[in-house]
Amino acid sequence: MELETKTNPQTIPRKKRDWKRLVIHLFPIPALAIYVTFIIYPLFAAFSYSLFDWQGIKKGAYIGLENFIALFTKQPFNDMFWNAFQNNIIYFVLEMIVQNGIAFVLAYIIYKKIRFAEFFKIAYFLPRLLSVIIVGFLWKLILNPNFGALNVFLEKIGLESLTKAWLGDPDTALISIILVNSWFGLGFAVLIFLAGLQGIPHDLIEAARLDGAKGFTMVRKIILPLMIPSITIMTVLTFIHAFEAFELIYAMQGSMGEPYYSTDTLAVYFYRLAFGGSGGASSAAIGLGSSLAVVLFMIIAVISAVFLYILRRREVQM
């Protein structure tokens, strides 16, 4: 005689079922606690710190919005803020053009079912598996003006005139870092665009082809409008990443945004202001740094929301 091993849910007492439901609802609590501890609390703490006078790490009197006023009106804080803000804008624009532009082309080529497509997907994504700090130090060696691989390569192919101190020249330092970052993030962007391309119904592509659409016309009038969700994701992520740019710049140029603050960004400036003594020995560096953190948060939150609003209105329902 076979024994009955399965339990009929109807036979489970009601109190026991309620207890199981309660336990299931407790599972998100650890993740919520981590989120509140490392995201929500620092956000409110930064806003609180920005409203007080600070002497080193000692909190002083309540001064209202004076730290914000000093950040935008007092020398050299205002000049450094606008210089870093301008570099963040350049960072975002170039990353959108170089990283996302190349990523879209590569994703489209892979989408056309070329040979070794899986190999190329892995190859493009491999740099993403490395630490940003390691990537920064490796490219710092490659771009070294004396023994770096790039200048040696240019000399070998007869282009000595193009060799230069890529990270030592204010005109090329920021662009060099942005190109390195684009190489680092290329694989992720390729995967996002490729997922968007593969989500387009094949029937729509065939219908457009029967109507005579092909080549660039197909991309511009059919594929790009249907790719708006993927473009929205990459635009918002690229913007957030551009305004949070810190690790790569710190690894390649240090906390001073060298040379001559040409690679300074708001995140690097925040680090230097709050922890590096840019506020002066007797001034409220933590207060100024906290006010900068609040401003940076507002910039990212507001402009990201605007991007989402505009791009989602252009989405096409399939």
C-alpha atoms as a PDB file:
ATOM      1  CA  MET A   1       0.000   0.000   0.000  1.00  0.00           C
ATOM      2  CA  GLU A   2       1.493   3.373  -1.106  1.00  0.00           C
ATOM      3  CA  LEU A   3       1.765   5.981   1.573  1.00  0.00           C
ATOM      4  CA  GLU A   4       0.332   9.483   0.874  1.00  0.00           C
ATOM      5  CA  THR A   5       3.287  11.925   0.993  1.00  0.00           C
ATOM      6  CA  LYS A   6       1.710  15.113  -0.391  1.00  0.00           C
ATOM      7  CA  THR A   7      -0.112  17.456   1.907  1.00  0.00           C
ATOM      8  CA  ASN A   8      -3.459  18.794   0.799  1.00  0.00           C
ATOM      9  CA  PRO A   9      -3.448  22.622   1.276  1.00  0.00           C
ATOM     10  CA  GLN A  10      -7.034  22.419   2.481  1.00  0.00           C
ATOM     11  CA  THR A  11      -5.868  20.294   5.419  1.00  0.00           C
ATOM     12  CA  ILE A  12      -3.291  22.916   6.620  1.00  0.00           C
ATOM     13  CA  PRO A  13      -4.676  24.826   9.611  1.00  0.00           C
ATOM     14  CA  ARG A  14      -5.551  28.424   8.916  1.00  0.00           C
ATOM     15  CA  LYS A  15      -3.172  29.769  11.584  1.00  0.00           C
ATOM     16  CA  LYS A  16      -0.262  27.905   9.992  1.00  0.00           C
ATOM     17  CA  ARG A  17      -1.065  29.339   6.522  1.00  0.00           C
ATOM     18  CA  ASP A  18      -1.257  32.864   7.955  1.00  0.00           C
ATOM     19  CA  TRP A  19       2.101  32.384   9.661  1.00  0.00           C
ATOM     20  CA  LYS A  20       3.713  31.319   6.349  1.00  0.00           C
ATOM     21  CA  ARG A  21       2.275  34.371   4.586  1.00  0.00           C
ATOM     22  CA  LEU A  22       3.707  36.599   7.295  1.00  0.00           C
ATOM     23  CA  VAL A  23       7.165  35.028   6.946  1.00  0.00           C
ATOM     24  CA  ILE A  24       7.099  35.532   3.158  1.00  0.00           C
ATOM     25  CA  HIS A  25       6.346  39.225   3.634  1.00  0.00           C
ATOM     26  CA  LEU A  26       9.364  39.532   5.945  1.00  0.00           C
ATOM     27  CA  PHE A  27      11.846  38.463   3.242  1.00  0.00           C
ATOM     28  CA  PRO A  28      12.266  41.986   1.700  1.00  0.00           C
ATOM     29  CA  ILE A  29      13.180  43.487   5.075  1.00  0.00           C
ATOM     30  CA  PRO A  30      16.983  42.832   4.852  1.00  0.00           C
ATOM     31  CA  ALA A  31      17.176  44.419   1.385  1.00  0.00           C
ATOM     32  CA  LEU A  32      14.988  47.317   2.561  1.00  0.00           C
ATOM     33  CA  ALA A  33      17.209  47.824   5.617  1.00  0.00           C
ATOM     34  CA  ILE A  34      20.339  47.946   3.433  1.00  0.00           C
ATOM     35  CA  TYR A  35      18.660  50.391   1.026  1.00  0.00           C
ATOM     36  CA  VAL A  36      17.567  52.682   3.845  1.00  0.00           C
ATOM     37  CA  THR A  37      20.970  52.512   5.565  1.00  0.00           C
ATOM     38  CA  PHE A  38      23.140  53.182   2.509  1.00  0.00           C
ATOM     39  CA  ILE A  39      20.833  55.249   0.255  1.00  0.00           C
ATOM     40  CA  ILE A  40      18.000  56.972   2.115  1.00  0.00           C
ATOM     41  CA  TYR A  41      19.820  57.839   5.354  1.00  0.00           C
ATOM     42  CA  PRO A  42      22.937  59.337   3.669  1.00  0.00           C
ATOM     43  CA  LEU A  43      20.654  61.402   1.441  1.00  0.00           C
ATOM     44  CA  PHE A  44      18.819  62.992   4.356  1.00  0.00           C
ATOM     45  CA  ALA A  45      22.056  63.223   6.366  1.00  0.00           C
ATOM     46  CA  ALA A  46      23.764  65.150   3.539  1.00  0.00           C
ATOM     47  CA  PHE A  47      20.859  67.577   3.360  1.00  0.00           C
ATOM     48  CA  SER A  48      20.990  68.017   7.136  1.00  0.00           C
ATOM     49  CA  TYR A  49      24.770  68.553   7.188  1.00  0.00           C
ATOM     50  CA  SER A  50      24.507  71.187   4.449  1.00  0.00           C
ATOM     51  CA  LEU A  51      22.460  73.428   6.774  1.00  0.00           C
ATOM     52  CA  PHE A  52      25.105  73.657   9.518  1.00  0.00           C
ATOM     53  CA  ASP A  53      28.466  75.339  10.008  1.00  0.00           C
ATOM     54  CA  TRP A  54      31.348  72.897  10.354  1.00  0.00           C
ATOM     55  CA  GLN A  55      34.777  73.288  11.931  1.00  0.00           C
ATOM     56  CA  GLY A  56      36.595  70.253  10.590  1.00  0.00           C
ATOM     57  CA  ILE A  57      34.397  67.300  11.577  1.00  0.00           C
ATOM     58  CA  LYS A  58      32.730  69.201  14.430  1.00  0.00           C
ATOM     59  CA  LYS A  59      29.189  70.375  13.705  1.00  0.00           C
ATOM     60  CA  GLY A  60      28.539  73.984  14.652  1.00  0.00           C
ATOM     61  CA  ALA A  61      25.590  76.346  14.484  1.00  0.00           C
ATOM     62  CA  TYR A  62      22.634  76.195  12.100  1.00  0.00           C
ATOM     63  CA  ILE A  63      23.324  78.551   9.169  1.00  0.00           C
ATOM     64  CA  GLY A  64      20.454  77.777   6.800  1.00  0.00           C
ATOM     65  CA  LEU A  65      21.362  77.954   3.088  1.00  0.00           C
ATOM     66  CA  GLU A  66      24.687  79.772   3.528  1.00  0.00           C
ATOM     67  CA  ASN A  67      26.681  76.758   2.293  1.00  0.00           C
ATOM     68  CA  PHE A  68      24.607  76.701  -0.910  1.00  0.00           C
ATOM     69  CA  ILE A  69      25.071  80.454  -1.376  1.00  0.00           C
ATOM     70  CA  ALA A  70      28.832  80.123  -0.838  1.00  0.00           C
ATOM     71  CA  LEU A  71      28.994  77.253  -3.317  1.00  0.00           C
ATOM     72  CA  PHE A  72      27.526  79.407  -6.115  1.00  0.00           C
ATOM     73  CA  THR A  73      28.850  82.868  -5.221  1.00  0.00           C
ATOM     74  CA  LYS A  74      32.156  82.573  -3.325  1.00  0.00           C
ATOM     75  CA  GLN A  75      35.553  82.203  -4.984  1.00  0.00           C
ATOM     76  CA  PRO A  76      36.987  79.691  -5.821  1.00  0.00           C
ATOM     77  CA  PHE A  77      34.022  77.387  -5.104  1.00  0.00           C
ATOM     78  CA  ASN A  78      31.770  78.835  -7.802  1.00  0.00           C
ATOM     79  CA  ASP A  79      34.460  78.692 -10.505  1.00  0.00           C
ATOM     80  CA  MET A  80      35.284  75.099  -9.614  1.00  0.00           C
ATOM     81  CA  PHE A  81      31.607  74.154  -9.576  1.00  0.00           C
ATOM     82  CA  TRP A  82      30.883  75.517 -13.057  1.00  0.00           C
ATOM     83  CA  ASN A  83      34.135  74.100 -14.452  1.00  0.00           C
ATOM     84  CA  ALA A  84      33.226  70.639 -13.103  1.00  0.00           C
ATOM     85  CA  PHE A  85      29.620  71.004 -14.325  1.00  0.00           C
ATOM     86  CA  GLN A  86      30.859  71.847 -17.823  1.00  0.00           C
ATOM     87  CA  ASN A  87      33.126  68.780 -17.800  1.00  0.00           C
ATOM     88  CA  ASN A  88      30.159  66.633 -16.739  1.00  0.00           C
ATOM     89  CA  ILE A  89      28.148  67.928 -19.711  1.00  0.00           C
ATOM     90  CA  ILE A  90      31.044  67.159 -22.100  1.00  0.00           C
ATOM     91  CA  TYR A  91      31.347  63.728 -20.481  1.00  0.00           C
ATOM     92  CA  PHE A  92      27.657  62.990 -21.109  1.00  0.00           C
ATOM     93  CA  VAL A  93      27.530  64.296 -24.679  1.00  0.00           C
ATOM     94  CA  LEU A  94      30.678  62.497 -25.849  1.00  0.00           C
ATOM     95  CA  GLU A  95      29.649  59.284 -24.130  1.00  0.00           C
ATOM     96  CA  MET A  96      26.267  59.404 -25.857  1.00  0.00           C
ATOM     97  CA  ILE A  97      27.907  59.963 -29.251  1.00  0.00           C
ATOM     98  CA  VAL A  98      30.900  57.631 -28.974  1.00  0.00           C
ATOM     99  CA  GLN A  99      29.824  54.828 -26.638  1.00  0.00           C
ATOM    100  CA  ASN A 100      26.139  54.595 -27.489  1.00  0.00           C
ATOM    101  CA  GLY A 101      26.592  55.441 -31.185  1.00  0.00           C
ATOM    102  CA  ILE A 102      29.177  52.699 -31.710  1.00  0.00           C
ATOM    103  CA  ALA A 103      27.198  50.307 -29.493  1.00  0.00           C
ATOM    104  CA  PHE A 104      24.069  50.754 -31.612  1.00  0.00           C
ATOM    105  CA  VAL A 105      25.980  50.082 -34.841  1.00  0.00           C
ATOM    106  CA  LEU A 106      27.625  46.969 -33.367  1.00  0.00           C
ATOM    107  CA  ALA A 107      24.294  45.724 -31.982  1.00  0.00           C
ATOM    108  CA  TYR A 108      22.678  46.181 -35.387  1.00  0.00           C
ATOM    109  CA  ILE A 109      25.505  44.276 -37.092  1.00  0.00           C
ATOM    110  CA  ILE A 110      25.117  41.403 -34.608  1.00  0.00           C
ATOM    111  CA  TYR A 111      21.327  41.544 -35.065  1.00  0.00           C
ATOM    112  CA  LYS A 112      21.828  40.909 -38.797  1.00  0.00           C
ATOM    113  CA  LYS A 113      23.006  37.387 -37.887  1.00  0.00           C
ATOM    114  CA  ILE A 114      26.686  37.683 -38.763  1.00  0.00           C
ATOM    115  CA  ARG A 115      29.032  34.768 -38.153  1.00  0.00           C
ATOM    116  CA  PHE A 116      30.583  34.495 -34.671  1.00  0.00           C
ATOM    117  CA  ALA A 117      27.921  36.829 -33.238  1.00  0.00           C
ATOM    118  CA  GLU A 118      28.087  35.144 -29.831  1.00  0.00           C
ATOM    119  CA  PHE A 119      31.874  35.556 -29.750  1.00  0.00           C
ATOM    120  CA  PHE A 120      31.597  39.283 -30.496  1.00  0.00           C
ATOM    121  CA  LYS A 121      28.978  39.758 -27.758  1.00  0.00           C
ATOM    122  CA  ILE A 122      31.312  38.184 -25.196  1.00  0.00           C
ATOM    123  CA  ALA A 123      34.340  40.089 -26.503  1.00  0.00           C
ATOM    124  CA  TYR A 124      32.582  43.457 -26.263  1.00  0.00           C
ATOM    125  CA  PHE A 125      31.372  42.739 -22.751  1.00  0.00           C
ATOM    126  CA  LEU A 126      34.685  41.428 -21.349  1.00  0.00           C
ATOM    127  CA  PRO A 127      36.093  44.860 -20.281  1.00  0.00           C
ATOM    128  CA  ARG A 128      32.971  45.331 -18.146  1.00  0.00           C
ATOM    129  CA  LEU A 129      34.076  42.415 -15.975  1.00  0.00           C
ATOM    130  CA  LEU A 130      37.204  44.292 -14.891  1.00  0.00           C
ATOM    131  CA  SER A 131      37.387  46.665 -11.956  1.00  0.00           C
ATOM    132  CA  VAL A 132      37.139  50.335 -12.945  1.00  0.00           C
ATOM    133  CA  ILE A 133      40.265  51.077 -10.904  1.00  0.00           C
ATOM    134  CA  ILE A 134      42.226  48.368 -12.743  1.00  0.00           C
ATOM    135  CA  VAL A 135      40.987  49.702 -16.089  1.00  0.00           C
ATOM    136  CA  GLY A 136      42.109  53.183 -15.077  1.00  0.00           C
ATOM    137  CA  PHE A 137      45.619  52.134 -14.087  1.00  0.00           C
ATOM    138  CA  LEU A 138      46.035  49.944 -17.215  1.00  0.00           C
ATOM    139  CA  TRP A 139      45.051  52.787 -19.548  1.00  0.00           C
ATOM    140  CA  LYS A 140      47.240  55.178 -17.595  1.00  0.00           C
ATOM    141  CA  LEU A 141      50.170  52.940 -18.526  1.00  0.00           C
ATOM    142  CA  ILE A 142      49.016  52.634 -22.151  1.00  0.00           C
ATOM    143  CA  LEU A 143      48.738  56.433 -22.465  1.00  0.00           C
ATOM    144  CA  ASN A 144      52.051  57.156 -20.758  1.00  0.00           C
ATOM    145  CA  PRO A 145      53.954  59.704 -22.928  1.00  0.00           C
ATOM    146  CA  ASN A 146      57.354  57.999 -22.511  1.00  0.00           C
ATOM    147  CA  PHE A 147      56.767  54.263 -22.697  1.00  0.00           C
ATOM    148  CA  GLY A 148      53.008  53.942 -23.266  1.00  0.00           C
ATOM    149  CA  ALA A 149      51.839  51.447 -25.889  1.00  0.00           C
ATOM    150  CA  LEU A 150      49.794  54.026 -27.816  1.00  0.00           C
ATOM    151  CA  ASN A 151      52.688  56.410 -28.493  1.00  0.00           C
ATOM    152  CA  VAL A 152      55.019  53.473 -29.289  1.00  0.00           C
ATOM    153  CA  PHE A 153      52.434  52.160 -31.785  1.00  0.00           C
ATOM    154  CA  LEU A 154      52.082  55.572 -33.420  1.00  0.00           C
ATOM    155  CA  GLU A 155      55.875  55.809 -33.780  1.00  0.00           C
ATOM    156  CA  LYS A 156      56.057  52.321 -35.304  1.00  0.00           C
ATOM    157  CA  ILE A 157      53.555  53.213 -38.050  1.00  0.00           C
ATOM    158  CA  GLY A 158      55.229  56.535 -38.831  1.00  0.00           C
ATOM    159  CA  LEU A 159      52.812  58.885 -37.056  1.00  0.00           C
ATOM    160  CA  GLU A 160      55.282  60.422 -34.595  1.00  0.00           C
ATOM    161  CA  SER A 161      53.598  63.788 -35.035  1.00  0.00           C
ATOM    162  CA  LEU A 162      50.487  62.445 -33.282  1.00  0.00           C
ATOM    163  CA  THR A 163      52.328  61.265 -30.172  1.00  0.00           C
ATOM    164  CA  LYS A 164      51.674  63.395 -27.117  1.00  0.00           C
ATOM    165  CA  ALA A 165      51.126  63.371 -23.376  1.00  0.00           C
ATOM    166  CA  TRP A 166      47.479  62.325 -23.662  1.00  0.00           C
ATOM    167  CA  LEU A 167      46.738  62.695 -19.959  1.00  0.00           C
ATOM    168  CA  GLY A 168      49.107  65.632 -19.425  1.00  0.00           C
ATOM    169  CA  ASP A 169      47.536  67.955 -21.994  1.00  0.00           C
ATOM    170  CA  PRO A 170      44.379  69.818 -20.821  1.00  0.00           C
ATOM    171  CA  ASP A 171      43.014  69.614 -24.369  1.00  0.00           C
ATOM    172  CA  THR A 172      43.165  65.808 -24.556  1.00  0.00           C
ATOM    173  CA  ALA A 173      43.025  64.587 -20.934  1.00  0.00           C
ATOM    174  CA  LEU A 174      39.233  64.649 -20.480  1.00  0.00           C
ATOM    175  CA  ILE A 175      38.578  63.278 -23.966  1.00  0.00           C
ATOM    176  CA  SER A 176      41.043  60.434 -23.333  1.00  0.00           C
ATOM    177  CA  ILE A 177      39.242  59.475 -20.110  1.00  0.00           C
ATOM    178  CA  ILE A 178      35.829  59.613 -21.826  1.00  0.00           C
ATOM    179  CA  LEU A 179      37.089  57.356 -24.638  1.00  0.00           C
ATOM    180  CA  VAL A 180      38.461  54.884 -22.087  1.00  0.00           C
ATOM    181  CA  ASN A 181      35.135  54.920 -20.278  1.00  0.00           C
ATOM    182  CA  SER A 182      33.290  54.394 -23.580  1.00  0.00           C
ATOM    183  CA  TRP A 183      35.473  51.350 -24.281  1.00  0.00           C
ATOM    184  CA  PHE A 184      34.711  50.063 -20.790  1.00  0.00           C
ATOM    185  CA  GLY A 185      30.934  50.505 -21.083  1.00  0.00           C
ATOM    186  CA  LEU A 186      30.550  49.525 -24.744  1.00  0.00           C
ATOM    187  CA  GLY A 187      29.574  45.899 -24.076  1.00  0.00           C
ATOM    188  CA  PHE A 188      26.715  46.776 -21.726  1.00  0.00           C
ATOM    189  CA  ALA A 189      25.285  49.269 -24.227  1.00  0.00           C
ATOM    190  CA  VAL A 190      25.550  46.670 -27.018  1.00  0.00           C
ATOM    191  CA  LEU A 191      23.515  44.188 -24.956  1.00  0.00           C
ATOM    192  CA  ILE A 192      20.806  46.775 -24.180  1.00  0.00           C
ATOM    193  CA  PHE A 193      20.460  47.811 -27.832  1.00  0.00           C
ATOM    194  CA  LEU A 194      20.586  44.199 -29.003  1.00  0.00           C
ATOM    195  CA  ALA A 195      17.762  43.298 -26.610  1.00  0.00           C
ATOM    196  CA  GLY A 196      15.750  46.191 -28.029  1.00  0.00           C
ATOM    197  CA  LEU A 197      16.388  45.057 -31.610  1.00  0.00           C
ATOM    198  CA  GLN A 198      15.425  41.474 -30.822  1.00  0.00           C
ATOM    199  CA  GLY A 199      12.202  42.731 -29.220  1.00  0.00           C
ATOM    200  CA  ILE A 200      10.954  44.219 -32.502  1.00  0.00           C
ATOM    201  CA  PRO A 201       8.351  41.867 -34.064  1.00  0.00           C
ATOM    202  CA  HIS A 202       9.714  40.256 -37.204  1.00  0.00           C
ATOM    203  CA  ASP A 203       6.361  40.814 -38.931  1.00  0.00           C
ATOM    204  CA  LEU A 204       6.839  44.589 -38.736  1.00  0.00           C
ATOM    205  CA  ILE A 205      10.285  44.345 -40.318  1.00  0.00           C
ATOM    206  CA  GLU A 206       8.951  42.127 -43.117  1.00  0.00           C
ATOM    207  CA  ALA A 207       5.974  44.438 -43.718  1.00  0.00           C
ATOM    208  CA  ALA A 208       8.273  47.458 -43.951  1.00  0.00           C
ATOM    209  CA  ARG A 209      10.563  45.577 -46.326  1.00  0.00           C
ATOM    210  CA  LEU A 210       7.627  44.700 -48.566  1.00  0.00           C
ATOM    211  CA  ASP A 211       6.702  48.407 -48.612  1.00  0.00           C
ATOM    212  CA  GLY A 212      10.161  49.182 -49.965  1.00  0.00           C
ATOM    213  CA  ALA A 213      11.967  50.241 -46.785  1.00  0.00           C
ATOM    214  CA  LYS A 214      15.596  49.123 -46.593  1.00  0.00           C
ATOM    215  CA  GLY A 215      19.015  50.228 -45.415  1.00  0.00           C
ATOM    216  CA  PHE A 216      19.166  53.591 -43.644  1.00  0.00           C
ATOM    217  CA  THR A 217      15.460  54.237 -44.328  1.00  0.00           C
ATOM    218  CA  MET A 218      14.546  51.058 -42.455  1.00  0.00           C
ATOM    219  CA  VAL A 219      16.711  52.095 -39.496  1.00  0.00           C
ATOM    220  CA  ARG A 220      15.477  55.691 -39.357  1.00  0.00           C
ATOM    221  CA  LYS A 221      11.738  55.160 -39.903  1.00  0.00           C
ATOM    222  CA  ILE A 222      11.096  51.700 -38.464  1.00  0.00           C
ATOM    223  CA  ILE A 223      13.837  50.492 -36.131  1.00  0.00           C
ATOM    224  CA  LEU A 224      14.762  53.692 -34.264  1.00  0.00           C
ATOM    225  CA  PRO A 225      11.144  54.586 -33.278  1.00  0.00           C
ATOM    226  CA  LEU A 226      10.643  51.032 -32.009  1.00  0.00           C
ATOM    227  CA  MET A 227      13.949  51.236 -30.123  1.00  0.00           C
ATOM    228  CA  ILE A 228      12.905  54.224 -27.986  1.00  0.00           C
ATOM    229  CA  PRO A 229      12.593  52.135 -24.763  1.00  0.00           C
ATOM    230  CA  SER A 230      16.207  50.930 -25.111  1.00  0.00           C
ATOM    231  CA  ILE A 231      17.370  54.419 -26.083  1.00  0.00           C
ATOM    232  CA  THR A 232      15.574  55.819 -23.021  1.00  0.00           C
ATOM    233  CA  ILE A 233      17.319  53.343 -20.723  1.00  0.00           C
ATOM    234  CA  MET A 234      20.768  54.080 -22.154  1.00  0.00           C
ATOM    235  CA  THR A 235      20.213  57.857 -22.181  1.00  0.00           C
ATOM    236  CA  VAL A 236      19.205  57.956 -18.519  1.00  0.00           C
ATOM    237  CA  LEU A 237      21.920  55.517 -17.419  1.00  0.00           C
ATOM    238  CA  THR A 238      24.562  57.406 -19.413  1.00  0.00           C
ATOM    239  CA  PHE A 239      23.478  60.709 -17.896  1.00  0.00           C
ATOM    240  CA  ILE A 240      23.554  59.332 -14.354  1.00  0.00           C
ATOM    241  CA  HIS A 241      26.925  57.713 -14.966  1.00  0.00           C
ATOM    242  CA  ALA A 242      28.368  60.889 -16.486  1.00  0.00           C
ATOM    243  CA  PHE A 243      27.362  62.959 -13.463  1.00  0.00           C
ATOM    244  CA  GLU A 244      28.619  60.298 -11.046  1.00  0.00           C
ATOM    245  CA  ALA A 245      31.951  59.920 -12.853  1.00  0.00           C
ATOM    246  CA  PHE A 246      34.600  59.484 -10.181  1.00  0.00           C
ATOM    247  CA  GLU A 247      36.490  56.169 -10.029  1.00  0.00           C
ATOM    248  CA  LEU A 248      38.084  56.284 -13.490  1.00  0.00           C
ATOM    249  CA  ILE A 249      39.117  59.937 -13.128  1.00  0.00           C
ATOM    250  CA  TYR A 250      40.483  59.296  -9.645  1.00  0.00           C
ATOM    251  CA  ALA A 251      42.500  56.299 -10.893  1.00  0.00           C
ATOM    252  CA  MET A 252      43.917  58.119 -13.926  1.00  0.00           C
ATOM    253  CA  GLN A 253      44.234  61.740 -12.753  1.00  0.00           C
ATOM    254  CA  GLY A 254      43.866  61.770  -8.977  1.00  0.00           C
ATOM    255  CA  SER A 255      41.519  63.838  -6.845  1.00  0.00           C
ATOM    256  CA  MET A 256      42.665  67.192  -8.269  1.00  0.00           C
ATOM    257  CA  GLY A 257      41.227  66.605 -11.753  1.00  0.00           C
ATOM    258  CA  GLU A 258      44.642  67.140 -13.315  1.00  0.00           C
ATOM    259  CA  PRO A 259      45.974  68.782 -15.355  1.00  0.00           C
ATOM    260  CA  TYR A 260      44.724  72.188 -14.185  1.00  0.00           C
ATOM    261  CA  TYR A 261      41.277  70.832 -13.224  1.00  0.00           C
ATOM    262  CA  SER A 262      40.629  69.926 -16.877  1.00  0.00           C
ATOM    263  CA  THR A 263      39.258  66.502 -15.839  1.00  0.00           C
ATOM    264  CA  ASP A 264      37.454  67.715 -12.731  1.00  0.00           C
ATOM    265  CA  THR A 265      33.820  66.598 -12.384  1.00  0.00           C
ATOM    266  CA  LEU A 266      31.213  67.304  -9.728  1.00  0.00           C
ATOM    267  CA  ALA A 267      31.780  63.931  -8.035  1.00  0.00           C
ATOM    268  CA  VAL A 268      35.563  64.467  -7.912  1.00  0.00           C
ATOM    269  CA  TYR A 269      35.039  68.024  -6.718  1.00  0.00           C
ATOM    270  CA  PHE A 270      32.695  66.750  -4.000  1.00  0.00           C
ATOM    271  CA  TYR A 271      35.341  64.281  -2.803  1.00  0.00           C
ATOM    272  CA  ARG A 272      38.019  66.964  -2.754  1.00  0.00           C
ATOM    273  CA  LEU A 273      35.734  69.500  -1.087  1.00  0.00           C
ATOM    274  CA  ALA A 274      34.382  67.227   1.645  1.00  0.00           C
ATOM    275  CA  PHE A 275      37.457  65.113   2.374  1.00  0.00           C
ATOM    276  CA  GLY A 276      40.437  66.696   0.618  1.00  0.00           C
ATOM    277  CA  GLY A 277      40.619  70.096   2.304  1.00  0.00           C
ATOM    278  CA  SER A 278      39.540  72.272  -0.618  1.00  0.00           C
ATOM    279  CA  GLY A 279      37.285  74.131   1.743  1.00  0.00           C
ATOM    280  CA  GLY A 280      40.292  75.362   3.704  1.00  0.00           C
ATOM    281  CA  ALA A 281      41.469  74.331   7.126  1.00  0.00           C
ATOM    282  CA  SER A 282      39.090  76.631   8.990  1.00  0.00           C
ATOM    283  CA  SER A 283      36.061  76.559   6.689  1.00  0.00           C
ATOM    284  CA  ALA A 284      33.063  74.258   6.683  1.00  0.00           C
ATOM    285  CA  ALA A 285      34.283  71.728   4.135  1.00  0.00           C
ATOM    286  CA  ILE A 286      31.749  69.086   5.178  1.00  0.00           C
ATOM    287  CA  GLY A 287      28.945  71.618   4.940  1.00  0.00           C
ATOM    288  CA  LEU A 288      30.044  72.740   1.476  1.00  0.00           C
ATOM    289  CA  GLY A 289      30.588  69.157   0.366  1.00  0.00           C
ATOM    290  CA  SER A 290      27.132  68.177   1.630  1.00  0.00           C
ATOM    291  CA  SER A 291      25.538  71.114  -0.183  1.00  0.00           C
ATOM    292  CA  LEU A 292      27.307  70.036  -3.374  1.00  0.00           C
ATOM    293  CA  ALA A 293      26.035  66.463  -2.862  1.00  0.00           C
ATOM    294  CA  VAL A 294      22.464  67.763  -2.536  1.00  0.00           C
ATOM    295  CA  VAL A 295      22.833  69.896  -5.681  1.00  0.00           C
ATOM    296  CA  LEU A 296      24.288  66.934  -7.578  1.00  0.00           C
ATOM    297  CA  PHE A 297      21.382  64.743  -6.464  1.00  0.00           C
ATOM    298  CA  MET A 298      18.857  67.358  -7.588  1.00  0.00           C
ATOM    299  CA  ILE A 299      20.545  67.718 -10.995  1.00  0.00           C
ATOM    300  CA  ILE A 300      20.522  63.967 -11.597  1.00  0.00           C
ATOM    301  CA  ALA A 301      16.964  63.454 -10.311  1.00  0.00           C
ATOM    302  CA  VAL A 302      15.346  66.364 -12.171  1.00  0.00           C
ATOM    303  CA  ILE A 303      17.089  65.938 -15.535  1.00  0.00           C
ATOM    304  CA  SER A 304      16.655  62.139 -15.478  1.00  0.00           C
ATOM    305  CA  ALA A 305      12.922  62.661 -14.865  1.00  0.00           C
ATOM    306  CA  VAL A 306      12.778  65.097 -17.793  1.00  0.00           C
ATOM    307  CA  PHE A 307      14.551  62.591 -20.063  1.00  0.00           C
ATOM    308  CA  LEU A 308      12.098  59.866 -19.019  1.00  0.00           C
ATOM    309  CA  TYR A 309       9.090  62.112 -19.608  1.00  0.00           C
ATOM    310  CA  ILE A 310      10.213  63.261 -23.051  1.00  0.00           C
ATOM    311  CA  LEU A 311      11.414  59.918 -24.370  1.00  0.00           C
ATOM    312  CA  ARG A 312       8.451  57.911 -23.072  1.00  0.00           C
ATOM    313  CA  ARG A 313       6.074  60.232 -24.914  1.00  0.00           C
ATOM    314  CA  ARG A 314       7.856  59.180 -28.110  1.00  0.00           C
ATOM    315  CA  GLU A 315       7.550  55.473 -27.466  1.00  0.00           C
ATOM    316  CA  VAL A 316       5.638  53.483 -30.081  1.00  0.00           C
ATOM    317  CA  GLN A 317       3.216  50.821 -28.938  1.00  0.00           C
ATOM    318  CA  MET A 318       3.824  47.505 -30.730  1.00  0.00           C
END
